[in-house]
Amino acid sequence: MTEKLRFKLLTTFEEFLLLKEQWNRLVEATDVDHAFMKHEWFECWIKNLMPEGKLVVHTAWENDRLVAVAPLQIVWQSRKKIPLRILSFLRSSITPRSNFIIDNSIDSNAFFDSLFAIGGWDIAEFKAMEAGIPATAKFMDYVEKNLNFVTEDGLQSPFEVNETDWETYLKSKSKNYRKNYRNYLNRLQNEGEYKILKVENSSDFERWFESLVEVSGRSWKFAEKTDLKSMPQVADFYRDFSILTAESGLFVAYLLVIKEKLAAFSYYLRHRNRLVGIRWEYDEEYAYFMPGIVLHNYCLKDSIDSGQKWEYDLSGMVTEHKGRLAEQIRKHIDVTVGRPGLLGKLIMFFKRLPLSARTVKHDTAAS
């Protein structure tokens, strides 16, 4: 007979820290078993990137066993110029995807009943939920039956699964792709001394960390202020996460060094034969060598040569460049839920309007 669930809301970082062992055991038993759903990821995110707001980690217990977690926060933000209390995942632009962590043995409806009974929010926004997996399906089944909600397309992330040897994989790419890749390698060889380093321990990462930040500051991202030098909190997140998880192998970075100078790097989350790329940077001075393509292929070859089946996920959104590297698409959805009451209904009304109707355009030429 299934035990009745007991629910507990954690609102302090100290309470959250105590969950590490049980949190990670739960993650490993679910369909959201990724490096970015581990306790360590959230620990470093809360420490470095959480906006001013309230920590709301909703948990469910069966006796003394943790069986469900909703990693959430409540923050003040505006929608349609209306200040609102937003209930959302603990996530930001660096997060590949988000979800609830739920043991398959429990009644998820009871967990969601308890979650949505939490007070202090006006609307809830659950972004970047992977479509088609059980955790998302359980949530959507619940909201469809019980809540006022809107679903929109979210991230569309390129990925591929490699289960062949390196030569077979390379032959599967277009003739033009293979030709260009050989040309990039020839350029490096003609330049002189170069090497690609694999960084996966804390001491090596700390030794190269400042150089990584400097390279990021000389990349094309600097113009958009999305480089690590312009976002020290994000840089601190990567440093803390890498040091914290080096022993458990949850990250790996590849560095291209030309004549003893760091030219480019790629940073991956690594877990359960999955690689999720979340950061690619190169010094614009070395753009001629196409370091992103070189490191991309080096990482793939390194993974394939291990003799294991690897999933290679480029995360984020599809771009022309990513589309050439991986052809399969992982779809995500964004779900907005309105709390019962006039304010929640008003926001959901605007949310359902067609995009053209939501934006009021003023034609100055006709005025």
Protein backbone atom coordinates (compact mmCIF):
# COMPACT_ATOMS: atom_id res chain seq x y z
CA MET A 1 0.00 0.00 0.00
CA THR A 2 1.37 3.41 -1.02
CA GLU A 3 2.13 5.69 1.91
CA LYS A 4 0.43 9.06 2.08
CA LEU A 5 2.68 11.85 0.83
CA ARG A 6 4.01 14.50 3.18
CA PHE A 7 4.85 17.91 1.73
CA LYS A 8 7.44 20.43 2.84
CA LEU A 9 8.27 23.87 1.45
CA LEU A 10 11.91 24.96 1.66
CA THR A 11 12.51 28.71 1.60
CA THR A 12 16.12 29.05 2.81
CA PHE A 13 19.41 28.14 1.18
CA GLU A 14 20.45 26.29 4.33
CA GLU A 15 17.42 23.98 4.10
CA PHE A 16 18.12 23.41 0.41
CA LEU A 17 21.75 22.43 1.05
CA LEU A 18 20.68 19.59 3.35
CA LEU A 19 18.89 17.84 0.45
CA LYS A 20 21.94 17.09 -1.71
CA GLU A 21 22.26 13.34 -1.25
CA GLN A 22 18.55 12.57 -1.48
CA TRP A 23 18.00 15.08 -4.31
CA ASN A 24 20.64 13.43 -6.50
CA ARG A 25 19.33 9.94 -5.76
CA LEU A 26 15.87 11.08 -6.86
CA VAL A 27 17.20 12.67 -10.06
CA GLU A 28 19.01 9.46 -10.99
CA ALA A 29 15.75 7.50 -10.68
CA THR A 30 13.76 9.76 -13.04
CA ASP A 31 13.59 10.72 -16.71
CA VAL A 32 15.23 14.10 -15.99
CA ASP A 33 18.57 12.57 -15.04
CA HIS A 34 20.81 15.34 -16.40
CA ALA A 35 23.81 17.22 -15.02
CA PHE A 36 21.76 20.43 -14.95
CA MET A 37 19.10 18.85 -12.74
CA LYS A 38 21.64 17.80 -10.11
CA HIS A 39 21.67 19.49 -6.72
CA GLU A 40 25.12 20.97 -7.46
CA TRP A 41 23.80 22.85 -10.50
CA PHE A 42 21.04 24.50 -8.47
CA GLU A 43 23.40 25.18 -5.56
CA CYS A 44 25.74 27.18 -7.77
CA TRP A 45 22.85 28.85 -9.63
CA ILE A 46 21.19 30.03 -6.41
CA LYS A 47 24.51 31.23 -5.04
CA ASN A 48 25.51 33.23 -8.13
CA LEU A 49 22.54 33.92 -10.37
CA MET A 50 19.27 33.90 -8.47
CA PRO A 51 17.53 37.30 -8.72
CA GLU A 52 16.12 39.01 -5.68
CA GLY A 53 13.10 37.01 -4.74
CA LYS A 54 12.01 34.08 -2.64
CA LEU A 55 13.30 30.53 -2.78
CA VAL A 56 10.37 28.12 -3.08
CA VAL A 57 11.58 24.51 -3.28
CA HIS A 58 8.50 22.36 -2.91
CA THR A 59 9.18 18.78 -1.85
CA ALA A 60 7.18 15.59 -1.33
CA TRP A 61 8.17 12.78 1.02
CA GLU A 62 7.11 9.19 1.46
CA ASN A 63 8.07 8.43 5.06
CA ASP A 64 11.67 9.74 5.06
CA ARG A 65 12.27 9.28 1.33
CA LEU A 66 12.30 12.31 -0.98
CA VAL A 67 9.99 11.47 -3.90
CA ALA A 68 9.36 14.79 -5.68
CA VAL A 69 10.90 18.24 -6.03
CA ALA A 70 9.69 21.43 -7.67
CA PRO A 71 12.80 23.69 -7.88
CA LEU A 72 11.04 27.06 -7.87
CA GLN A 73 11.31 30.71 -6.93
CA ILE A 74 8.95 33.68 -6.65
CA VAL A 75 10.21 36.95 -8.15
CA TRP A 76 8.69 40.35 -8.83
CA GLN A 77 8.47 41.11 -12.56
CA SER A 78 6.20 43.11 -14.86
CA ARG A 79 3.89 41.78 -17.56
CA LYS A 80 2.01 44.33 -19.71
CA LYS A 81 3.46 46.94 -17.32
CA ILE A 82 1.65 45.22 -14.45
CA PRO A 83 3.91 44.26 -11.49
CA LEU A 84 3.39 40.61 -10.71
CA ARG A 85 4.69 37.91 -8.42
CA ILE A 86 5.96 35.21 -10.78
CA LEU A 87 6.33 31.59 -9.70
CA SER A 88 9.00 30.03 -11.93
CA PHE A 89 11.74 27.44 -12.16
CA LEU A 90 15.18 28.19 -10.76
CA ARG A 91 16.63 28.92 -14.18
CA SER A 92 18.13 31.54 -16.48
CA SER A 93 19.47 31.76 -20.03
CA ILE A 94 22.33 29.36 -19.24
CA THR A 95 19.89 26.56 -18.25
CA PRO A 96 19.47 23.97 -21.05
CA ARG A 97 15.99 22.93 -19.89
CA SER A 98 13.89 22.69 -16.72
CA ASN A 99 11.35 20.37 -15.17
CA PHE A 100 9.89 18.82 -12.05
CA ILE A 101 11.68 15.86 -10.46
CA ILE A 102 9.09 13.18 -9.67
CA ASP A 103 9.49 9.54 -8.70
CA ASN A 104 7.39 7.38 -11.04
CA SER A 105 5.84 5.51 -8.11
CA ILE A 106 3.92 8.43 -6.61
CA ASP A 107 0.63 10.15 -7.37
CA SER A 108 1.86 13.27 -9.16
CA ASN A 109 -1.60 14.85 -8.98
CA ALA A 110 -1.36 15.05 -5.20
CA PHE A 111 2.05 16.69 -5.54
CA PHE A 112 0.74 19.30 -7.99
CA ASP A 113 -2.35 19.92 -5.82
CA SER A 114 -0.04 20.79 -2.95
CA LEU A 115 2.27 22.86 -5.16
CA PHE A 116 -0.43 25.10 -6.59
CA ALA A 117 -1.88 25.64 -3.12
CA ILE A 118 1.25 27.65 -2.28
CA GLY A 119 0.35 31.30 -1.81
CA GLY A 120 2.19 34.48 -2.72
CA TRP A 121 2.13 34.34 -6.55
CA ASP A 122 -0.04 35.79 -9.31
CA ILE A 123 1.03 33.80 -12.37
CA ALA A 124 3.38 30.87 -12.86
CA GLU A 125 5.79 30.51 -15.77
CA PHE A 126 7.34 27.11 -16.43
CA LYS A 127 9.79 27.53 -19.30
CA ALA A 128 11.92 25.14 -21.36
CA MET A 129 10.16 21.90 -20.42
CA GLU A 130 11.22 19.09 -22.73
CA ALA A 131 8.25 17.91 -24.76
CA GLY A 132 7.33 14.25 -24.93
CA ILE A 133 8.88 12.98 -21.71
CA PRO A 134 6.88 11.54 -18.77
CA ALA A 135 7.61 14.40 -16.34
CA THR A 136 6.21 16.97 -18.77
CA ALA A 137 3.29 14.73 -19.73
CA LYS A 138 2.25 14.34 -16.08
CA PHE A 139 2.35 18.08 -15.57
CA MET A 140 0.38 18.83 -18.74
CA ASP A 141 -2.23 16.22 -17.84
CA TYR A 142 -2.69 17.98 -14.50
CA VAL A 143 -2.92 21.55 -15.81
CA GLU A 144 -5.29 20.58 -18.60
CA LYS A 145 -7.74 19.21 -16.05
CA ASN A 146 -7.35 21.79 -13.30
CA LEU A 147 -5.85 25.15 -14.29
CA ASN A 148 -6.15 28.24 -16.46
CA PHE A 149 -3.07 27.93 -18.68
CA VAL A 150 -1.44 28.74 -22.02
CA THR A 151 1.19 26.60 -23.77
CA GLU A 152 3.68 28.05 -26.23
CA ASP A 153 6.60 26.69 -28.21
CA GLY A 154 9.85 26.99 -26.30
CA LEU A 155 13.45 26.11 -27.12
CA GLN A 156 14.09 24.01 -30.21
CA SER A 157 17.50 22.49 -29.49
CA PRO A 158 19.64 20.61 -32.05
CA PHE A 159 21.10 17.26 -30.98
CA GLU A 160 22.34 13.98 -32.38
CA VAL A 161 23.12 10.49 -31.14
CA ASN A 162 26.44 8.93 -32.13
CA GLU A 163 26.84 5.16 -32.09
CA THR A 164 29.33 4.63 -34.91
CA ASP A 165 33.10 4.93 -35.16
CA TRP A 166 34.66 8.30 -35.98
CA GLU A 167 35.42 7.62 -39.65
CA THR A 168 31.88 6.39 -40.28
CA TYR A 169 30.47 9.44 -38.55
CA LEU A 170 32.63 11.82 -40.57
CA LYS A 171 31.62 10.11 -43.83
CA SER A 172 27.98 10.72 -42.90
CA LYS A 173 28.59 14.47 -43.18
CA SER A 174 28.47 16.29 -46.49
CA LYS A 175 31.48 16.38 -48.79
CA ASN A 176 31.66 20.14 -48.29
CA TYR A 177 31.65 19.74 -44.49
CA ARG A 178 34.50 17.22 -44.58
CA LYS A 179 36.50 19.38 -46.98
CA ASN A 180 36.12 22.48 -44.81
CA TYR A 181 37.06 20.57 -41.66
CA ARG A 182 40.26 19.30 -43.29
CA ASN A 183 41.03 22.84 -44.44
CA TYR A 184 40.65 24.20 -40.89
CA LEU A 185 43.01 21.55 -39.54
CA ASN A 186 45.52 22.34 -42.29
CA ARG A 187 45.39 26.01 -41.39
CA LEU A 188 46.27 25.17 -37.80
CA GLN A 189 49.09 22.86 -38.84
CA ASN A 190 50.49 25.49 -41.19
CA GLU A 191 50.34 28.09 -38.43
CA GLY A 192 52.77 26.08 -36.35
CA GLU A 193 52.49 24.86 -32.78
CA TYR A 194 48.98 24.18 -31.54
CA LYS A 195 47.34 21.76 -29.14
CA ILE A 196 43.88 20.84 -27.85
CA LEU A 197 43.61 20.27 -24.13
CA LYS A 198 40.89 18.35 -22.33
CA VAL A 199 40.12 19.91 -18.96
CA GLU A 200 38.09 17.86 -16.50
CA ASN A 201 39.66 18.38 -13.08
CA SER A 202 39.40 21.31 -10.71
CA SER A 203 43.09 22.26 -10.61
CA ASP A 204 43.37 22.53 -14.40
CA PHE A 205 40.11 24.45 -14.63
CA GLU A 206 41.21 26.95 -11.97
CA ARG A 207 44.55 27.36 -13.74
CA TRP A 208 42.85 28.25 -17.03
CA PHE A 209 39.81 30.08 -15.65
CA GLU A 210 41.04 33.68 -16.03
CA SER A 211 42.18 32.89 -19.59
CA LEU A 212 38.71 31.53 -20.40
CA VAL A 213 37.15 34.77 -19.20
CA GLU A 214 39.64 36.83 -21.23
CA VAL A 215 38.92 34.85 -24.41
CA SER A 216 35.20 35.27 -23.87
CA GLY A 217 35.76 39.03 -23.56
CA ARG A 218 37.46 39.02 -26.97
CA SER A 219 34.70 37.03 -28.66
CA TRP A 220 31.78 38.29 -30.74
CA LYS A 221 29.66 38.05 -27.59
CA PHE A 222 31.40 41.11 -26.15
CA ALA A 223 29.40 43.40 -28.48
CA GLU A 224 26.19 41.97 -26.98
CA LYS A 225 27.59 42.02 -23.43
CA THR A 226 26.86 38.30 -23.12
CA ASP A 227 30.52 37.36 -22.68
CA LEU A 228 31.87 36.09 -19.36
CA LYS A 229 33.89 39.24 -18.75
CA SER A 230 30.74 41.36 -18.97
CA MET A 231 28.79 38.92 -16.78
CA PRO A 232 31.02 38.14 -13.79
CA GLN A 233 28.19 36.36 -11.96
CA VAL A 234 27.88 33.87 -14.83
CA ALA A 235 31.65 33.39 -14.86
CA ASP A 236 31.57 32.73 -11.12
CA PHE A 237 28.81 30.18 -11.68
CA TYR A 238 30.95 28.22 -14.14
CA ARG A 239 33.95 28.37 -11.84
CA ASP A 240 32.02 27.21 -8.78
CA PHE A 241 30.15 24.46 -10.64
CA SER A 242 33.30 23.10 -12.28
CA ILE A 243 35.24 22.99 -9.03
CA LEU A 244 32.32 21.47 -7.14
CA THR A 245 31.59 18.73 -9.71
CA ALA A 246 35.04 17.88 -11.08
CA GLU A 247 35.31 14.75 -8.96
CA SER A 248 31.92 13.47 -10.14
CA GLY A 249 32.76 14.29 -13.77
CA LEU A 250 29.76 16.52 -14.51
CA PHE A 251 31.69 18.87 -16.80
CA VAL A 252 34.39 18.77 -19.45
CA ALA A 253 36.03 21.61 -21.36
CA TYR A 254 38.16 21.54 -24.51
CA LEU A 255 40.74 24.28 -25.06
CA LEU A 256 42.47 25.23 -28.31
CA VAL A 257 45.92 26.65 -27.61
CA ILE A 258 47.92 28.23 -30.45
CA LYS A 259 51.57 29.06 -29.76
CA GLU A 260 50.94 28.83 -26.01
CA LYS A 261 48.01 31.29 -26.17
CA LEU A 262 44.43 30.24 -25.51
CA ALA A 263 42.44 30.84 -28.69
CA ALA A 264 39.11 29.15 -27.97
CA PHE A 265 37.22 26.84 -25.63
CA SER A 266 34.06 24.80 -25.50
CA TYR A 267 32.33 23.83 -22.25
CA TYR A 268 30.04 20.82 -21.84
CA LEU A 269 27.92 19.26 -19.15
CA ARG A 270 28.61 15.51 -19.08
CA HIS A 271 26.45 12.80 -17.51
CA ARG A 272 25.10 9.37 -18.45
CA ASN A 273 26.83 9.36 -21.86
CA ARG A 274 25.28 12.72 -22.65
CA LEU A 275 27.16 15.86 -23.59
CA VAL A 276 25.30 19.16 -23.43
CA GLY A 277 27.21 22.09 -24.88
CA ILE A 278 26.43 25.32 -23.08
CA ARG A 279 29.37 27.61 -23.89
CA TRP A 280 31.51 28.09 -27.01
CA GLU A 281 33.91 31.04 -27.18
CA TYR A 282 36.82 32.04 -29.37
CA ASP A 283 39.12 35.03 -29.63
CA GLU A 284 38.15 36.93 -32.80
CA GLU A 285 41.84 37.13 -33.65
CA TYR A 286 41.71 33.40 -34.44
CA ALA A 287 38.46 33.33 -36.43
CA TYR A 288 40.38 32.28 -39.57
CA PHE A 289 40.99 28.85 -38.03
CA MET A 290 37.27 28.25 -37.35
CA PRO A 291 38.05 27.06 -33.81
CA GLY A 292 34.42 26.29 -33.00
CA ILE A 293 34.23 23.62 -35.72
CA VAL A 294 37.63 22.22 -34.75
CA LEU A 295 36.70 21.85 -31.07
CA HIS A 296 33.24 20.52 -31.94
CA ASN A 297 34.73 17.68 -33.96
CA TYR A 298 37.52 17.02 -31.47
CA CYS A 299 34.95 16.63 -28.69
CA LEU A 300 32.83 14.29 -30.81
CA LYS A 301 35.83 12.18 -31.82
CA ASP A 302 36.96 11.96 -28.20
CA SER A 303 33.50 10.78 -27.15
CA ILE A 304 33.07 8.32 -30.01
CA ASP A 305 36.56 6.87 -29.49
CA SER A 306 35.54 5.95 -25.93
CA GLY A 307 33.52 3.15 -27.50
CA GLN A 308 30.22 4.25 -25.95
CA LYS A 309 27.00 5.56 -27.44
CA TRP A 310 26.90 9.33 -26.90
CA GLU A 311 24.16 11.90 -27.19
CA TYR A 312 25.51 15.27 -28.24
CA ASP A 313 23.18 18.17 -27.40
CA LEU A 314 23.88 21.72 -28.61
CA SER A 315 21.16 23.20 -26.33
CA GLY A 316 19.57 26.61 -26.77
CA MET A 317 17.81 27.42 -30.05
CA VAL A 318 18.39 26.24 -33.61
CA THR A 319 20.71 28.50 -35.58
CA GLU A 320 22.09 28.09 -39.08
CA HIS A 321 25.46 27.14 -37.63
CA LYS A 322 24.06 24.60 -35.13
CA GLY A 323 21.80 23.14 -37.80
CA ARG A 324 24.87 22.12 -39.79
CA LEU A 325 26.31 20.33 -36.78
CA ALA A 326 23.24 18.40 -35.57
CA GLU A 327 20.05 17.69 -37.48
CA GLN A 328 17.65 16.29 -34.87
CA ILE A 329 15.56 18.76 -32.85
CA ARG A 330 14.60 18.48 -29.20
CA LYS A 331 11.38 20.44 -28.69
CA HIS A 332 10.44 22.28 -25.50
CA ILE A 333 7.32 24.04 -24.31
CA ASP A 334 6.68 27.08 -22.12
CA VAL A 335 3.61 26.88 -19.89
CA THR A 336 1.98 29.89 -18.20
CA VAL A 337 -0.58 29.35 -15.45
CA GLY A 338 -2.88 32.04 -14.06
CA ARG A 339 -3.80 31.97 -10.41
CA PRO A 340 -7.57 32.06 -9.76
CA GLY A 341 -8.75 35.64 -9.41
CA LEU A 342 -9.21 38.76 -11.51
CA LEU A 343 -5.50 39.54 -11.94
CA GLY A 344 -4.62 36.04 -13.07
CA LYS A 345 -7.54 35.97 -15.52
CA LEU A 346 -6.55 39.36 -16.95
CA ILE A 347 -2.96 38.31 -17.60
CA MET A 348 -4.07 35.05 -19.19
CA PHE A 349 -6.49 36.98 -21.42
CA PHE A 350 -3.61 39.04 -22.78
CA LYS A 351 -1.48 35.90 -23.08
CA ARG A 352 -4.05 34.29 -25.36
CA LEU A 353 -4.26 37.25 -27.73
CA PRO A 354 -2.49 36.79 -31.08
CA LEU A 355 0.98 38.34 -31.07
CA SER A 356 -0.15 41.06 -33.51
CA ALA A 357 -2.92 42.08 -31.14
CA ARG A 358 -0.65 42.17 -28.08
CA THR A 359 1.64 44.81 -29.61
CA VAL A 360 0.18 48.24 -30.25
CA LYS A 361 2.03 49.80 -33.20
CA HIS A 362 2.19 53.56 -33.68
CA ASP A 363 2.88 54.71 -37.25
CA THR A 364 4.59 58.08 -36.85
CA ALA A 365 4.60 58.68 -40.61
CA ALA A 366 0.79 58.63 -40.67
CA SER A 367 0.43 60.90 -37.66
